[in-house]
Amino acid sequence: MAARFKMSRKGVGELLRSPGVEADMLRRAELIKSAAVAIAPVGGPGDPHAGAYKDSFKTSSRKRGGRRKDRATATVTNTSYYARWVEYGSERVAAHHVLLRAAESGGD
């Protein structure tokens, strides 16, 4: 006979605020960052910023998710001033979607 399961909203909330979940979110963010660095464009020999985009990926974690802004989250960002154009492209540059493709890898 199968046991019945009753979800506790309070328990789920405690879980989503826990240091363990925050640590796992940061671990996954680090994996996504590694994937992004691996596929990031570097630029050609005449590029004055060759490798700057690749070296500008950062991860962070904090509690800011959910309705009460107290749930564990982690983010991967690129601090390069031109990261937006690398990711989304422009009328002269094709989009590379580096973070999108890295995030699609799922962090595992």
C-alpha atoms as a PDB file:
ATOM      1  CA  MET A   1       0.000   0.000   0.000  1.00  0.00           C
ATOM      2  CA  ALA A   2       1.358   3.389  -0.980  1.00  0.00           C
ATOM      3  CA  ALA A   3       1.747   6.073   1.660  1.00  0.00           C
ATOM      4  CA  ARG A   4      -0.173   9.290   1.210  1.00  0.00           C
ATOM      5  CA  PHE A   5       1.730  12.512   0.757  1.00  0.00           C
ATOM      6  CA  LYS A   6       0.544  15.844   2.084  1.00  0.00           C
ATOM      7  CA  MET A   7       2.563  18.871   1.069  1.00  0.00           C
ATOM      8  CA  SER A   8       3.378  21.479   3.683  1.00  0.00           C
ATOM      9  CA  ARG A   9       3.512  24.990   2.197  1.00  0.00           C
ATOM     10  CA  LYS A  10       5.517  26.152   5.189  1.00  0.00           C
ATOM     11  CA  GLY A  11       7.987  23.314   4.689  1.00  0.00           C
ATOM     12  CA  VAL A  12       8.391  24.077   0.985  1.00  0.00           C
ATOM     13  CA  GLY A  13       8.999  27.745   1.836  1.00  0.00           C
ATOM     14  CA  GLU A  14      11.642  26.782   4.388  1.00  0.00           C
ATOM     15  CA  LEU A  15      13.290  24.540   1.813  1.00  0.00           C
ATOM     16  CA  LEU A  16      13.407  27.306  -0.815  1.00  0.00           C
ATOM     17  CA  ARG A  17      15.019  29.665   1.715  1.00  0.00           C
ATOM     18  CA  SER A  18      17.547  27.127   2.948  1.00  0.00           C
ATOM     19  CA  PRO A  19      21.321  27.498   2.593  1.00  0.00           C
ATOM     20  CA  GLY A  20      21.426  24.109   0.847  1.00  0.00           C
ATOM     21  CA  VAL A  21      19.149  25.258  -1.981  1.00  0.00           C
ATOM     22  CA  GLU A  22      21.104  28.516  -2.292  1.00  0.00           C
ATOM     23  CA  ALA A  23      24.367  26.544  -2.502  1.00  0.00           C
ATOM     24  CA  ASP A  24      22.933  24.286  -5.219  1.00  0.00           C
ATOM     25  CA  MET A  25      21.664  27.293  -7.173  1.00  0.00           C
ATOM     26  CA  LEU A  26      25.171  28.800  -7.017  1.00  0.00           C
ATOM     27  CA  ARG A  27      26.702  25.475  -8.067  1.00  0.00           C
ATOM     28  CA  ARG A  28      24.437  25.372 -11.122  1.00  0.00           C
ATOM     29  CA  ALA A  29      25.224  29.019 -11.904  1.00  0.00           C
ATOM     30  CA  GLU A  30      28.940  28.180 -11.842  1.00  0.00           C
ATOM     31  CA  LEU A  31      28.318  25.331 -14.313  1.00  0.00           C
ATOM     32  CA  ILE A  32      26.393  27.677 -16.600  1.00  0.00           C
ATOM     33  CA  LYS A  33      29.203  30.237 -16.310  1.00  0.00           C
ATOM     34  CA  SER A  34      31.734  27.566 -17.302  1.00  0.00           C
ATOM     35  CA  ALA A  35      29.635  26.637 -20.326  1.00  0.00           C
ATOM     36  CA  ALA A  36      29.330  30.318 -21.309  1.00  0.00           C
ATOM     37  CA  VAL A  37      33.090  30.857 -21.023  1.00  0.00           C
ATOM     38  CA  ALA A  38      33.693  27.771 -23.179  1.00  0.00           C
ATOM     39  CA  ILE A  39      31.516  29.055 -26.051  1.00  0.00           C
ATOM     40  CA  ALA A  40      32.166  32.807 -25.709  1.00  0.00           C
ATOM     41  CA  PRO A  41      33.568  34.538 -28.808  1.00  0.00           C
ATOM     42  CA  VAL A  42      37.068  35.921 -28.339  1.00  0.00           C
ATOM     43  CA  GLY A  43      37.554  38.240 -31.314  1.00  0.00           C
ATOM     44  CA  GLY A  44      40.101  38.316 -34.065  1.00  0.00           C
ATOM     45  CA  PRO A  45      43.707  39.511 -34.087  1.00  0.00           C
ATOM     46  CA  GLY A  46      42.657  43.110 -34.763  1.00  0.00           C
ATOM     47  CA  ASP A  47      40.144  43.209 -31.926  1.00  0.00           C
ATOM     48  CA  PRO A  48      41.265  45.675 -29.217  1.00  0.00           C
ATOM     49  CA  HIS A  49      39.080  43.839 -26.658  1.00  0.00           C
ATOM     50  CA  ALA A  50      40.032  40.259 -27.544  1.00  0.00           C
ATOM     51  CA  GLY A  51      39.078  37.974 -24.653  1.00  0.00           C
ATOM     52  CA  ALA A  52      37.543  40.760 -22.523  1.00  0.00           C
ATOM     53  CA  TYR A  53      33.998  39.428 -22.959  1.00  0.00           C
ATOM     54  CA  LYS A  54      35.089  35.898 -22.089  1.00  0.00           C
ATOM     55  CA  ASP A  55      36.802  37.132 -18.903  1.00  0.00           C
ATOM     56  CA  SER A  56      33.795  39.189 -17.728  1.00  0.00           C
ATOM     57  CA  PHE A  57      31.387  36.449 -16.609  1.00  0.00           C
ATOM     58  CA  LYS A  58      30.397  36.600 -12.915  1.00  0.00           C
ATOM     59  CA  THR A  59      28.105  34.577 -10.665  1.00  0.00           C
ATOM     60  CA  SER A  60      26.259  35.638  -7.534  1.00  0.00           C
ATOM     61  CA  SER A  61      23.635  34.257  -5.207  1.00  0.00           C
ATOM     62  CA  ARG A  62      21.297  35.834  -2.720  1.00  0.00           C
ATOM     63  CA  LYS A  63      17.766  35.630  -1.460  1.00  0.00           C
ATOM     64  CA  ARG A  64      15.569  37.701  -3.751  1.00  0.00           C
ATOM     65  CA  GLY A  65      13.119  35.352  -5.429  1.00  0.00           C
ATOM     66  CA  GLY A  66       9.474  34.648  -4.793  1.00  0.00           C
ATOM     67  CA  ARG A  67       6.636  36.886  -3.690  1.00  0.00           C
ATOM     68  CA  ARG A  68       8.358  37.864  -0.446  1.00  0.00           C
ATOM     69  CA  LYS A  69      11.777  38.202  -2.089  1.00  0.00           C
ATOM     70  CA  ASP A  70      13.257  35.685   0.353  1.00  0.00           C
ATOM     71  CA  ARG A  71      13.883  32.681  -1.896  1.00  0.00           C
ATOM     72  CA  ALA A  72      17.346  31.528  -2.928  1.00  0.00           C
ATOM     73  CA  THR A  73      18.457  32.613  -6.406  1.00  0.00           C
ATOM     74  CA  ALA A  74      21.685  32.630  -8.373  1.00  0.00           C
ATOM     75  CA  THR A  75      22.590  34.637 -11.466  1.00  0.00           C
ATOM     76  CA  VAL A  76      25.200  34.565 -14.179  1.00  0.00           C
ATOM     77  CA  THR A  77      26.045  37.940 -15.697  1.00  0.00           C
ATOM     78  CA  ASN A  78      28.614  39.439 -17.996  1.00  0.00           C
ATOM     79  CA  THR A  79      29.977  42.809 -16.890  1.00  0.00           C
ATOM     80  CA  SER A  80      31.424  43.783 -20.265  1.00  0.00           C
ATOM     81  CA  TYR A  81      29.808  46.976 -21.560  1.00  0.00           C
ATOM     82  CA  TYR A  82      29.123  45.326 -24.925  1.00  0.00           C
ATOM     83  CA  ALA A  83      27.722  42.038 -23.553  1.00  0.00           C
ATOM     84  CA  ARG A  84      24.224  43.027 -24.705  1.00  0.00           C
ATOM     85  CA  TRP A  85      25.347  43.213 -28.326  1.00  0.00           C
ATOM     86  CA  VAL A  86      27.211  39.908 -28.141  1.00  0.00           C
ATOM     87  CA  GLU A  87      24.131  38.213 -26.714  1.00  0.00           C
ATOM     88  CA  TYR A  88      21.390  39.849 -28.800  1.00  0.00           C
ATOM     89  CA  GLY A  89      23.290  41.203 -31.809  1.00  0.00           C
ATOM     90  CA  SER A  90      22.782  44.477 -33.642  1.00  0.00           C
ATOM     91  CA  GLU A  91      22.194  45.568 -37.200  1.00  0.00           C
ATOM     92  CA  ARG A  92      25.905  44.948 -37.928  1.00  0.00           C
ATOM     93  CA  VAL A  93      26.682  42.018 -35.647  1.00  0.00           C
ATOM     94  CA  ALA A  94      24.918  38.650 -35.505  1.00  0.00           C
ATOM     95  CA  ALA A  95      23.596  37.510 -32.122  1.00  0.00           C
ATOM     96  CA  HIS A  96      25.698  34.851 -30.397  1.00  0.00           C
ATOM     97  CA  HIS A  97      23.216  33.992 -27.580  1.00  0.00           C
ATOM     98  CA  VAL A  98      26.067  32.841 -25.333  1.00  0.00           C
ATOM     99  CA  LEU A  99      24.173  32.983 -22.036  1.00  0.00           C
ATOM    100  CA  LEU A 100      21.017  31.563 -23.598  1.00  0.00           C
ATOM    101  CA  ARG A 101      22.866  28.546 -24.973  1.00  0.00           C
ATOM    102  CA  ALA A 102      24.781  28.069 -21.710  1.00  0.00           C
ATOM    103  CA  ALA A 103      21.554  28.251 -19.678  1.00  0.00           C
ATOM    104  CA  GLU A 104      19.886  25.747 -22.015  1.00  0.00           C
ATOM    105  CA  SER A 105      22.593  23.284 -20.980  1.00  0.00           C
ATOM    106  CA  GLY A 106      20.733  23.280 -17.652  1.00  0.00           C
ATOM    107  CA  GLY A 107      23.657  23.673 -15.306  1.00  0.00           C
ATOM    108  CA  ASP A 108      24.337  19.935 -15.284  1.00  0.00           C
END
